[in-house]
N, C-alpha and C. Protein backbone atom coordinates (compact mmCIF):
# COMPACT_ATOMS: atom_id res chain seq x y z
N MET A 1 117.71 170.57 226.02
CA MET A 1 118.40 170.66 227.28
C MET A 1 118.21 172.07 227.84
N PRO A 2 117.91 172.21 229.15
CA PRO A 2 117.69 173.53 229.73
C PRO A 2 118.95 174.38 229.72
N ASP A 3 118.71 175.69 229.69
CA ASP A 3 119.83 176.62 229.69
C ASP A 3 120.59 176.62 231.01
N ASN A 4 119.87 176.45 232.11
CA ASN A 4 120.49 176.48 233.44
C ASN A 4 120.30 175.12 234.11
N PRO A 5 121.13 174.17 233.80
CA PRO A 5 120.97 172.85 234.41
C PRO A 5 121.27 172.90 235.91
N PRO A 6 120.72 171.93 236.68
CA PRO A 6 121.04 171.88 238.10
C PRO A 6 122.54 171.73 238.28
N HIS A 7 122.94 171.86 239.52
CA HIS A 7 124.37 171.71 239.82
C HIS A 7 124.87 170.40 239.24
N ALA A 8 126.11 170.44 238.91
CA ALA A 8 126.72 169.25 238.30
C ALA A 8 126.59 168.05 239.22
N SER A 9 126.56 168.29 240.53
CA SER A 9 126.47 167.16 241.45
C SER A 9 125.06 166.62 241.55
N GLY A 10 124.07 167.34 241.00
CA GLY A 10 122.68 166.91 241.07
C GLY A 10 122.00 167.36 242.35
N ALA A 11 122.71 168.02 243.22
CA ALA A 11 122.14 168.47 244.49
C ALA A 11 121.32 169.73 244.27
N VAL A 12 120.32 169.91 245.13
CA VAL A 12 119.49 171.10 245.08
C VAL A 12 120.12 172.15 245.99
N SER A 13 120.18 173.38 245.53
CA SER A 13 120.83 174.43 246.31
C SER A 13 119.96 174.86 247.49
N ASP A 14 120.61 175.49 248.46
CA ASP A 14 119.89 176.02 249.61
C ASP A 14 118.84 177.02 249.17
N LEU A 15 119.14 177.81 248.16
CA LEU A 15 118.20 178.80 247.67
C LEU A 15 116.95 178.12 247.11
N GLU A 16 117.09 176.94 246.56
CA GLU A 16 115.95 176.20 246.04
C GLU A 16 115.19 175.48 247.15
N LYS A 17 115.89 175.01 248.16
CA LYS A 17 115.27 174.25 249.24
C LYS A 17 114.52 175.12 250.24
N ASN A 18 115.09 176.26 250.61
CA ASN A 18 114.53 177.05 251.70
C ASN A 18 113.14 177.61 251.43
N PRO A 19 112.79 178.08 250.24
CA PRO A 19 111.40 178.51 250.02
C PRO A 19 110.40 177.36 250.22
N ALA A 20 110.78 176.18 249.77
CA ALA A 20 109.89 175.02 249.97
C ALA A 20 109.77 174.70 251.46
N LEU A 21 110.87 174.78 252.18
CA LEU A 21 110.85 174.55 253.63
C LEU A 21 109.98 175.59 254.32
N LEU A 22 110.11 176.83 253.90
CA LEU A 22 109.30 177.91 254.48
C LEU A 22 107.82 177.67 254.23
N ASP A 23 107.45 177.26 253.03
CA ASP A 23 106.05 176.93 252.73
C ASP A 23 105.55 175.79 253.63
N TRP A 24 106.37 174.77 253.81
CA TRP A 24 105.98 173.63 254.64
C TRP A 24 105.82 174.06 256.10
N LEU A 25 106.73 174.89 256.60
CA LEU A 25 106.63 175.37 257.98
C LEU A 25 105.39 176.23 258.18
N ARG A 26 105.05 177.06 257.20
CA ARG A 26 103.81 177.86 257.28
C ARG A 26 102.59 176.95 257.33
N TRP A 27 102.63 175.88 256.55
CA TRP A 27 101.53 174.91 256.56
C TRP A 27 101.43 174.27 257.94
N GLN A 28 102.58 173.91 258.51
CA GLN A 28 102.61 173.29 259.85
C GLN A 28 102.05 174.25 260.90
N VAL A 29 102.42 175.53 260.82
CA VAL A 29 101.91 176.53 261.76
C VAL A 29 100.38 176.62 261.63
N GLY A 30 99.90 176.64 260.40
CA GLY A 30 98.45 176.68 260.18
C GLY A 30 97.76 175.47 260.79
N GLN A 31 98.34 174.28 260.60
CA GLN A 31 97.78 173.06 261.17
C GLN A 31 97.78 173.14 262.70
N THR A 32 98.85 173.62 263.27
CA THR A 32 98.96 173.73 264.72
C THR A 32 97.97 174.75 265.27
N GLU A 33 97.83 175.88 264.61
CA GLU A 33 96.86 176.89 265.04
C GLU A 33 95.44 176.33 264.98
N ARG A 34 95.12 175.58 263.94
CA ARG A 34 93.81 174.94 263.81
C ARG A 34 93.58 173.97 264.96
N ARG A 35 94.59 173.18 265.28
CA ARG A 35 94.48 172.20 266.36
C ARG A 35 94.29 172.88 267.71
N VAL A 36 95.00 173.98 267.95
CA VAL A 36 94.85 174.73 269.19
C VAL A 36 93.41 175.26 269.30
N ARG A 37 92.86 175.79 268.20
CA ARG A 37 91.47 176.27 268.22
C ARG A 37 90.51 175.13 268.55
N GLU A 38 90.71 173.96 267.93
CA GLU A 38 89.86 172.80 268.21
C GLU A 38 89.95 172.40 269.68
N LEU A 39 91.15 172.38 270.22
CA LEU A 39 91.33 172.00 271.62
C LEU A 39 90.68 173.00 272.57
N LYS A 40 90.73 174.29 272.24
CA LYS A 40 90.07 175.30 273.07
C LYS A 40 88.56 175.10 273.05
N ILE A 41 88.01 174.80 271.89
CA ILE A 41 86.57 174.54 271.79
C ILE A 41 86.19 173.31 272.60
N GLN A 42 86.98 172.25 272.47
CA GLN A 42 86.71 171.03 273.23
C GLN A 42 86.79 171.30 274.73
N ASP A 43 87.77 172.09 275.15
CA ASP A 43 87.93 172.41 276.55
C ASP A 43 86.72 173.19 277.07
N ALA A 44 86.26 174.16 276.30
CA ALA A 44 85.09 174.95 276.70
C ALA A 44 83.85 174.06 276.79
N GLN A 45 83.68 173.16 275.82
CA GLN A 45 82.53 172.24 275.85
C GLN A 45 82.60 171.31 277.05
N GLU A 46 83.79 170.85 277.39
CA GLU A 46 83.95 169.98 278.55
C GLU A 46 83.64 170.71 279.85
N ARG A 47 84.06 171.98 279.94
CA ARG A 47 83.73 172.78 281.12
C ARG A 47 82.23 172.94 281.29
N VAL A 48 81.54 173.21 280.19
CA VAL A 48 80.07 173.34 280.23
C VAL A 48 79.44 172.02 280.65
N ARG A 49 79.93 170.91 280.11
CA ARG A 49 79.38 169.60 280.45
C ARG A 49 79.58 169.30 281.94
N ARG A 50 80.78 169.60 282.45
CA ARG A 50 81.05 169.36 283.88
C ARG A 50 80.16 170.23 284.76
N GLU A 51 79.96 171.49 284.36
CA GLU A 51 79.11 172.40 285.13
C GLU A 51 77.67 171.90 285.14
N ARG A 52 77.19 171.43 284.00
CA ARG A 52 75.83 170.87 283.95
C ARG A 52 75.71 169.64 284.83
N ALA A 53 76.70 168.77 284.76
CA ALA A 53 76.67 167.56 285.58
C ALA A 53 76.69 167.92 287.07
N ARG A 54 77.50 168.89 287.44
CA ARG A 54 77.55 169.33 288.83
C ARG A 54 76.21 169.91 289.25
N ALA A 55 75.61 170.70 288.38
CA ALA A 55 74.31 171.31 288.68
C ALA A 55 73.23 170.24 288.84
N GLU A 56 73.28 169.21 288.04
CA GLU A 56 72.28 168.15 288.12
C GLU A 56 72.35 167.39 289.44
N MET A 57 73.49 167.43 290.10
CA MET A 57 73.67 166.73 291.37
C MET A 57 73.45 167.67 292.56
N ALA A 58 72.93 168.87 292.30
CA ALA A 58 72.73 169.84 293.37
C ALA A 58 71.35 170.49 293.22
N TRP A 59 71.06 171.37 294.12
CA TRP A 59 69.79 172.09 294.11
C TRP A 59 70.08 173.57 294.27
N GLN A 60 69.03 174.38 294.07
CA GLN A 60 69.20 175.82 294.26
C GLN A 60 67.86 176.42 294.67
N ILE A 61 67.95 177.52 295.37
CA ILE A 61 66.74 178.19 295.83
C ILE A 61 66.58 179.48 295.05
N GLN A 62 65.41 179.63 294.43
CA GLN A 62 65.06 180.87 293.75
C GLN A 62 64.46 181.78 294.81
N PRO A 63 65.04 182.94 295.05
CA PRO A 63 64.55 183.81 296.12
C PRO A 63 63.09 184.21 295.94
N GLN A 64 62.48 184.53 297.04
CA GLN A 64 61.08 184.97 297.02
C GLN A 64 60.98 186.32 296.34
N ARG A 65 59.97 186.45 295.51
CA ARG A 65 59.66 187.73 294.88
C ARG A 65 58.45 188.32 295.61
N SER A 66 58.12 189.55 295.32
CA SER A 66 57.05 190.22 296.06
C SER A 66 55.72 189.47 296.02
N SER A 67 55.40 188.85 294.89
CA SER A 67 54.10 188.19 294.78
C SER A 67 54.19 186.66 294.73
N SER A 68 55.36 186.10 294.99
CA SER A 68 55.50 184.65 294.93
C SER A 68 56.35 184.13 296.08
N THR A 69 56.29 182.83 296.28
CA THR A 69 57.10 182.22 297.33
C THR A 69 58.46 181.83 296.76
N ALA A 70 59.39 181.56 297.64
CA ALA A 70 60.69 181.05 297.21
C ALA A 70 60.49 179.63 296.68
N LEU A 71 61.29 179.27 295.70
CA LEU A 71 61.16 177.94 295.10
C LEU A 71 62.46 177.17 295.19
N LEU A 72 62.35 175.89 295.46
CA LEU A 72 63.50 174.99 295.43
C LEU A 72 63.51 174.33 294.06
N HIS A 73 64.67 174.38 293.39
CA HIS A 73 64.84 173.80 292.06
C HIS A 73 65.95 172.77 292.09
N ARG A 74 65.89 171.84 291.15
CA ARG A 74 67.06 171.01 290.87
C ARG A 74 68.08 171.95 290.21
N GLY A 75 69.34 171.65 290.35
CA GLY A 75 70.38 172.53 289.83
C GLY A 75 70.30 172.79 288.34
N GLY A 76 69.76 171.86 287.58
CA GLY A 76 69.69 172.02 286.13
C GLY A 76 68.33 172.45 285.62
N CYS A 77 67.47 172.96 286.49
CA CYS A 77 66.11 173.34 286.08
C CYS A 77 66.16 174.44 285.02
N VAL A 78 65.39 174.24 283.96
CA VAL A 78 65.37 175.22 282.87
C VAL A 78 64.60 176.48 283.23
N THR A 79 63.74 176.41 284.25
CA THR A 79 62.99 177.61 284.62
C THR A 79 63.80 178.56 285.50
N TYR A 80 64.90 178.06 286.06
CA TYR A 80 65.78 178.90 286.87
C TYR A 80 67.22 178.46 286.63
N PRO A 81 67.76 178.79 285.45
CA PRO A 81 69.10 178.30 285.05
C PRO A 81 70.25 179.13 285.59
N ASP A 82 70.14 179.63 286.79
CA ASP A 82 71.15 180.51 287.35
C ASP A 82 72.45 179.79 287.66
N HIS A 83 72.41 178.60 288.22
CA HIS A 83 73.58 177.79 288.59
C HIS A 83 74.52 178.52 289.54
N VAL A 84 74.00 179.51 290.23
CA VAL A 84 74.80 180.22 291.23
C VAL A 84 74.21 179.86 292.59
N GLY A 85 75.05 179.58 293.53
CA GLY A 85 74.57 179.26 294.87
C GLY A 85 73.94 177.88 294.97
N LEU A 86 74.54 176.91 294.28
CA LEU A 86 74.04 175.54 294.37
C LEU A 86 74.22 175.04 295.80
N ILE A 87 73.23 174.26 296.26
CA ILE A 87 73.28 173.75 297.62
C ILE A 87 73.24 172.23 297.62
N SER A 88 73.63 171.65 298.73
CA SER A 88 73.71 170.19 298.86
C SER A 88 72.33 169.56 299.05
N ARG A 89 72.32 168.26 298.98
CA ARG A 89 71.09 167.48 299.20
C ARG A 89 70.56 167.74 300.61
N GLU A 90 71.43 167.71 301.59
CA GLU A 90 71.01 167.92 302.97
C GLU A 90 70.40 169.31 303.16
N ASP A 91 71.05 170.33 302.61
CA ASP A 91 70.52 171.69 302.72
C ASP A 91 69.19 171.82 301.98
N SER A 92 69.04 171.09 300.89
CA SER A 92 67.79 171.12 300.14
C SER A 92 66.65 170.48 300.92
N MET A 93 66.95 169.41 301.64
CA MET A 93 65.93 168.76 302.46
C MET A 93 65.46 169.70 303.57
N VAL A 94 66.39 170.44 304.17
CA VAL A 94 66.03 171.41 305.19
C VAL A 94 65.19 172.52 304.57
N ALA A 95 65.61 173.01 303.41
CA ALA A 95 64.87 174.09 302.74
C ALA A 95 63.46 173.66 302.39
N LEU A 96 63.30 172.46 301.91
CA LEU A 96 61.99 171.97 301.51
C LEU A 96 61.06 171.84 302.72
N ALA A 97 61.61 171.64 303.88
CA ALA A 97 60.79 171.54 305.10
C ALA A 97 60.32 172.91 305.60
N GLU A 98 60.93 173.97 305.07
CA GLU A 98 60.54 175.31 305.48
C GLU A 98 59.18 175.66 304.88
N PRO A 99 58.31 176.34 305.66
CA PRO A 99 56.97 176.66 305.16
C PRO A 99 56.95 177.70 304.03
N ASP A 100 57.97 178.53 303.93
CA ASP A 100 57.97 179.58 302.91
C ASP A 100 58.76 179.21 301.65
N ILE A 101 59.13 177.93 301.49
CA ILE A 101 59.82 177.45 300.29
C ILE A 101 59.04 176.29 299.71
N GLU A 102 58.70 176.40 298.44
CA GLU A 102 57.94 175.35 297.76
C GLU A 102 58.80 174.72 296.67
N PRO A 103 58.51 173.46 296.32
CA PRO A 103 59.25 172.83 295.22
C PRO A 103 58.76 173.36 293.87
N CYS A 104 59.67 173.46 292.94
CA CYS A 104 59.32 173.85 291.56
C CYS A 104 58.44 172.76 290.96
N GLU A 105 57.38 173.19 290.28
CA GLU A 105 56.47 172.22 289.67
C GLU A 105 57.02 171.65 288.36
N VAL A 106 58.03 172.28 287.81
CA VAL A 106 58.61 171.81 286.55
C VAL A 106 59.66 170.72 286.79
N CYS A 107 60.65 171.02 287.64
CA CYS A 107 61.76 170.06 287.84
C CYS A 107 61.52 169.10 289.00
N ARG A 108 60.52 169.38 289.83
CA ARG A 108 60.14 168.50 290.95
C ARG A 108 61.37 168.05 291.76
N PRO A 109 62.02 168.97 292.45
CA PRO A 109 63.26 168.64 293.18
C PRO A 109 63.06 167.63 294.30
N GLN A 110 61.87 167.53 294.82
CA GLN A 110 61.63 166.59 295.90
C GLN A 110 61.84 165.15 295.45
N THR A 111 61.68 164.87 294.16
CA THR A 111 61.91 163.52 293.63
C THR A 111 63.34 163.09 293.89
N GLY A 112 64.29 163.95 293.65
CA GLY A 112 65.69 163.63 293.89
C GLY A 112 66.06 163.60 295.35
N LEU A 113 65.25 164.22 296.19
CA LEU A 113 65.55 164.25 297.61
C LEU A 113 64.99 163.05 298.36
N LEU A 114 63.91 162.52 297.87
CA LEU A 114 63.24 161.43 298.58
C LEU A 114 63.78 160.08 298.17
N GLY A 115 64.45 160.02 297.01
CA GLY A 115 64.92 158.73 296.49
C GLY A 115 66.21 158.26 297.05
C-alpha cells in the first residue's frame, strides 16, 4: 500500500489536476498555432492562384527598348511576368493594331484576341 494514498474520497486534488490541464492547454495552443500557419499558407497560395487567373484573362504591353519594339503579351506570359499594368481585351486589340507594337512570339496574344 502506498505511503501517501489519494484523498479518502477518491477525488483528485486541484494540485494534481492543474498541471495536466496546463499541459493539455499548451498542446491546444500548439495545435491552434499550427492551424493558423497552415491557413496563412493556404491564403497566400489562393492569392497567387487568383492573381495568375486574373493575369491569364488580361494582356500587358512590354515597353519598347532602344533596340526592340514594344510587345503585347498575354497576362501570364513567362517571358514578361511583370503582371503590372494589365489591360483589357479591348485595349489589347487597339494596341495590336498599332504599327509599333508586335505580338509576343511565345505567348501569341492575338490568339486570345481573335477567338
